[in-house]
């Protein structure tokens, strides 16, 4: 489910960018691979943003509360990603080397996404009521 949502977010943010490429494969970055450049490529920013947007979209579907995602990608500095659910901060991630953002495998990508989602749902459950299903004030598209 997470991989499907991730691909959806890639295409929502940049519909034509990956027309002839495999976006999931572009996230598979062996840990031994070291980048020479310190510049953040626009496609890297897109992948980071799409990853956290996918996390937020699934959280929104599961809780019925509107989510907001903020991603700050900086060259040679710490980057960060925040996801709010119903006004509650449920994900706060420091990205130490944004230029190396990637995962060892598709399975690892899906596992990391689901792990963030489960942790966020546990945090949200302390402050928000979503046990009754979807919030009736929230309209889905």
Protein backbone atom coordinates (compact mmCIF):
# COMPACT_ATOMS: atom_id res chain seq x y z
CA UNK A 1 0.00 0.00 0.00
CA UNK A 2 2.77 2.45 0.89
CA UNK A 3 4.61 1.90 -2.40
CA UNK A 4 1.43 2.62 -4.36
CA UNK A 5 0.82 5.82 -2.41
CA UNK A 6 4.45 6.86 -2.89
CA UNK A 7 4.16 6.47 -6.68
CA UNK A 8 0.89 8.40 -6.61
CA UNK A 9 2.57 11.28 -4.74
CA UNK A 10 5.46 11.34 -7.24
CA UNK A 11 3.00 11.67 -10.10
CA UNK A 12 0.87 14.26 -8.29
CA UNK A 13 3.86 16.49 -7.62
CA UNK A 14 5.52 16.11 -11.01
CA UNK A 15 3.27 14.30 -13.54
CA UNK A 16 5.74 14.25 -16.44
CA UNK A 17 9.06 13.90 -14.63
CA UNK A 18 9.10 10.12 -14.34
CA UNK A 19 7.35 9.29 -17.58
CA UNK A 20 10.22 7.04 -18.71
CA UNK A 21 11.88 6.20 -15.38
CA UNK A 22 11.18 3.95 -12.41
CA UNK A 23 10.84 6.25 -9.39
CA UNK A 24 11.08 3.39 -6.90
CA UNK A 25 14.37 2.24 -8.37
CA UNK A 26 15.74 5.76 -8.05
CA UNK A 27 15.26 5.51 -4.27
CA UNK A 28 17.30 2.34 -3.97
CA UNK A 29 20.68 3.71 -2.88
CA UNK A 30 23.21 1.26 -1.42
CA UNK A 31 24.60 2.56 1.85
CA UNK A 32 28.16 2.14 0.57
CA UNK A 33 27.54 4.57 -2.28
CA UNK A 34 28.98 7.98 -1.47
CA UNK A 35 28.01 11.08 -3.36
CA UNK A 36 30.75 13.49 -4.45
CA UNK A 37 28.51 16.55 -4.86
CA UNK A 38 26.92 18.40 -1.96
CA UNK A 39 24.21 19.94 -4.15
CA UNK A 40 20.70 18.64 -3.77
CA UNK A 41 19.34 17.60 -7.15
CA UNK A 42 15.71 18.66 -7.80
CA UNK A 43 14.72 15.01 -8.29
CA UNK A 44 16.09 14.22 -4.81
CA UNK A 45 13.95 16.97 -3.32
CA UNK A 46 10.95 15.56 -5.20
CA UNK A 47 11.56 12.03 -3.88
CA UNK A 48 11.94 13.24 -0.28
CA UNK A 49 8.80 15.33 -0.55
CA UNK A 50 6.84 12.49 -2.16
CA UNK A 51 7.96 10.03 0.53
CA UNK A 52 6.64 12.18 3.38
CA UNK A 53 3.53 13.18 1.41
CA UNK A 54 2.76 9.47 0.96
CA UNK A 55 3.15 8.94 4.71
CA UNK A 56 0.80 11.88 5.35
CA UNK A 57 -1.78 10.72 2.79
CA UNK A 58 -2.05 7.28 4.40
CA UNK A 59 -2.28 8.80 7.88
CA UNK A 60 -5.09 11.04 6.62
CA UNK A 61 -6.95 8.07 5.13
CA UNK A 62 -6.60 6.03 8.31
CA UNK A 63 -7.56 8.78 10.76
CA UNK A 64 -9.98 10.93 8.80
CA UNK A 65 -8.12 14.04 9.99
CA UNK A 66 -6.50 16.46 7.56
CA UNK A 67 -2.71 16.21 7.38
CA UNK A 68 -0.12 18.82 6.48
CA UNK A 69 3.42 18.08 5.35
CA UNK A 70 6.40 20.41 5.55
CA UNK A 71 9.75 19.39 4.06
CA UNK A 72 12.86 21.55 4.30
CA UNK A 73 15.73 20.29 2.16
CA UNK A 74 18.94 22.29 2.58
CA UNK A 75 22.36 21.97 0.97
CA UNK A 76 25.13 21.00 3.40
CA UNK A 77 22.80 21.43 6.39
CA UNK A 78 20.40 19.26 8.26
CA UNK A 79 17.10 18.91 6.47
CA UNK A 80 13.81 18.06 8.12
CA UNK A 81 10.34 16.73 7.48
CA UNK A 82 7.23 17.40 9.56
CA UNK A 83 3.77 15.86 9.28
CA UNK A 84 0.82 17.23 11.22
CA UNK A 85 -2.44 15.34 11.63
CA UNK A 86 -5.42 17.33 12.87
CA UNK A 87 -3.00 19.98 14.13
CA UNK A 88 -0.90 17.44 16.07
CA UNK A 89 2.75 16.93 15.12
CA UNK A 90 2.98 13.19 14.44
CA UNK A 91 6.19 12.95 12.39
CA UNK A 92 9.38 14.90 12.95
CA UNK A 93 12.39 13.58 11.05
CA UNK A 94 15.88 15.01 10.74
CA UNK A 95 17.45 14.15 7.38
CA UNK A 96 21.21 14.30 7.91
CA UNK A 97 22.37 13.82 4.33
CA UNK A 98 19.52 14.70 2.00
CA UNK A 99 21.68 14.06 -1.07
CA UNK A 100 21.93 10.39 0.05
CA UNK A 101 18.19 9.97 0.74
CA UNK A 102 17.27 6.49 -0.37
CA UNK A 103 16.61 2.94 0.74
CA UNK A 104 18.40 -0.41 0.38
CA UNK A 105 15.46 -2.12 -1.35
CA UNK A 106 11.77 -1.78 -2.21
CA UNK A 107 10.97 -3.80 0.89
CA UNK A 108 13.02 -1.43 3.04
CA UNK A 109 11.27 1.59 1.46
CA UNK A 110 7.85 0.10 2.26
CA UNK A 111 8.92 -0.95 5.76
CA UNK A 112 10.29 2.51 6.64
CA UNK A 113 7.12 4.17 5.34
CA UNK A 114 4.85 1.83 7.29
CA UNK A 115 6.98 2.23 10.43
CA UNK A 116 6.58 6.03 10.26
CA UNK A 117 2.85 5.64 9.69
CA UNK A 118 2.37 3.28 12.65
CA UNK A 119 4.37 5.55 14.98
CA UNK A 120 2.39 8.58 13.78
CA UNK A 121 -0.92 6.80 14.33
CA UNK A 122 0.13 5.91 17.88
CA UNK A 123 1.01 9.56 18.59
CA UNK A 124 -2.19 10.83 16.98
CA UNK A 125 -4.23 8.37 19.03
CA UNK A 126 -3.16 10.13 22.23
CA UNK A 127 -4.70 13.43 21.08
CA UNK A 128 -7.28 12.70 18.39
CA UNK A 129 -10.33 10.49 18.26
CA UNK A 130 -10.33 8.48 15.07
CA UNK A 131 -11.56 5.18 16.47
CA UNK A 132 -15.02 5.83 15.01
CA UNK A 133 -13.63 5.92 11.49
CA UNK A 134 -13.52 8.91 9.23
CA UNK A 135 -14.21 12.34 10.69
CA UNK A 136 -17.57 13.46 9.28
CA UNK A 137 -16.35 17.04 8.85
CA UNK A 138 -13.71 15.86 6.40
CA UNK A 139 -14.63 15.42 2.75
CA UNK A 140 -12.68 12.91 0.74
CA UNK A 141 -12.08 13.32 -2.96
